[in-house]
Amino acid sequence: MKASEFDQKFDDDEDLMDCIDLNKARRLNLERTQVRMNFPAWMVHSIDKEAQRLGVSRQDIIKLWLSDRLRQDHVYE
């Protein structure tokens, strides 16, 4: 199928699922990069308490807080 045909089907709000190979699909900017950081013990303890209160992991609470801050500061959208 030509790109122009695909675009026309999209514009016409037709179902395109048969035209898309979802095995090759990926979401942009979601590739993971490992980052190592050192925190003071008191900070780790506080992070762990909040993570336990919310029922999430230490890593999840840190990612949530960083994401909230970056959105608040409009660093990414």
Protein backbone atom coordinates (compact mmCIF):
# COMPACT_ATOMS: atom_id res chain seq x y z
CA MET A 1 0.00 0.00 0.00
CA LYS A 2 1.30 3.42 -0.87
CA ALA A 3 1.68 6.04 1.84
CA SER A 4 -0.90 8.21 0.11
CA GLU A 5 -3.44 5.36 0.27
CA PHE A 6 -2.65 4.81 3.95
CA ASP A 7 -3.03 8.52 4.64
CA GLN A 8 -6.36 8.60 2.83
CA LYS A 9 -7.68 5.64 4.84
CA PHE A 10 -6.53 7.39 8.01
CA ASP A 11 -8.22 10.62 6.96
CA ASP A 12 -11.40 8.67 6.19
CA ASP A 13 -11.28 7.15 9.69
CA GLU A 14 -11.00 3.60 8.32
CA ASP A 15 -9.66 0.70 10.37
CA LEU A 16 -5.92 0.45 9.69
CA MET A 17 -5.06 -2.44 12.02
CA ASP A 18 -4.63 -4.87 9.12
CA CYS A 19 -2.07 -2.47 7.61
CA ILE A 20 0.11 -2.17 10.71
CA ASP A 21 2.71 -4.67 11.96
CA LEU A 22 2.41 -4.26 15.74
CA ASN A 23 5.43 -6.54 16.28
CA LYS A 24 7.62 -3.70 15.05
CA ALA A 25 5.74 -0.92 16.83
CA ARG A 26 7.52 1.10 19.50
CA ARG A 27 6.75 4.15 21.56
CA LEU A 28 9.15 7.01 21.06
CA ASN A 29 11.24 8.33 23.95
CA LEU A 30 10.45 5.37 26.19
CA GLU A 31 13.75 3.56 25.72
CA ARG A 32 15.26 2.87 29.09
CA THR A 33 18.63 4.14 30.26
CA GLN A 34 20.12 3.00 33.51
CA VAL A 35 21.14 5.75 35.94
CA ARG A 36 22.99 5.13 39.17
CA MET A 37 22.70 7.61 42.01
CA ASN A 38 23.86 7.82 45.58
CA PHE A 39 21.51 9.22 48.22
CA PRO A 40 22.06 9.94 51.91
CA ALA A 41 20.65 7.20 54.17
CA TRP A 42 17.97 9.50 55.61
CA MET A 43 16.68 10.20 52.11
CA VAL A 44 16.52 6.51 51.19
CA HIS A 45 14.64 5.83 54.42
CA SER A 46 12.11 8.59 53.63
CA ILE A 47 11.70 7.38 50.05
CA ASP A 48 11.15 3.82 51.26
CA LYS A 49 8.52 4.93 53.80
CA GLU A 50 6.56 6.83 51.15
CA ALA A 51 6.91 4.00 48.62
CA GLN A 52 5.62 1.51 51.20
CA ARG A 53 2.72 3.80 52.08
CA LEU A 54 1.73 3.98 48.40
CA GLY A 55 2.42 0.28 47.77
CA VAL A 56 5.03 0.85 45.08
CA SER A 57 8.75 0.22 44.77
CA ARG A 58 11.48 2.72 45.62
CA GLN A 59 12.29 3.01 41.92
CA ASP A 60 8.66 3.67 41.03
CA ILE A 61 8.25 6.48 43.57
CA ILE A 62 11.46 8.16 42.38
CA LYS A 63 10.33 7.94 38.74
CA LEU A 64 6.89 9.28 39.66
CA TRP A 65 8.33 12.25 41.55
CA LEU A 66 10.80 13.08 38.79
CA SER A 67 8.11 12.79 36.14
CA ASP A 68 5.77 15.07 38.11
CA ARG A 69 8.51 17.66 38.55
CA LEU A 70 9.53 17.60 34.90
CA ARG A 71 5.90 18.04 33.81
CA GLN A 72 5.43 20.85 36.32
CA ASP A 73 8.49 22.64 34.97
CA HIS A 74 7.42 21.91 31.36
CA VAL A 75 10.76 20.22 30.67
CA TYR A 76 8.99 17.69 28.48
CA GLU A 77 5.52 17.38 27.08
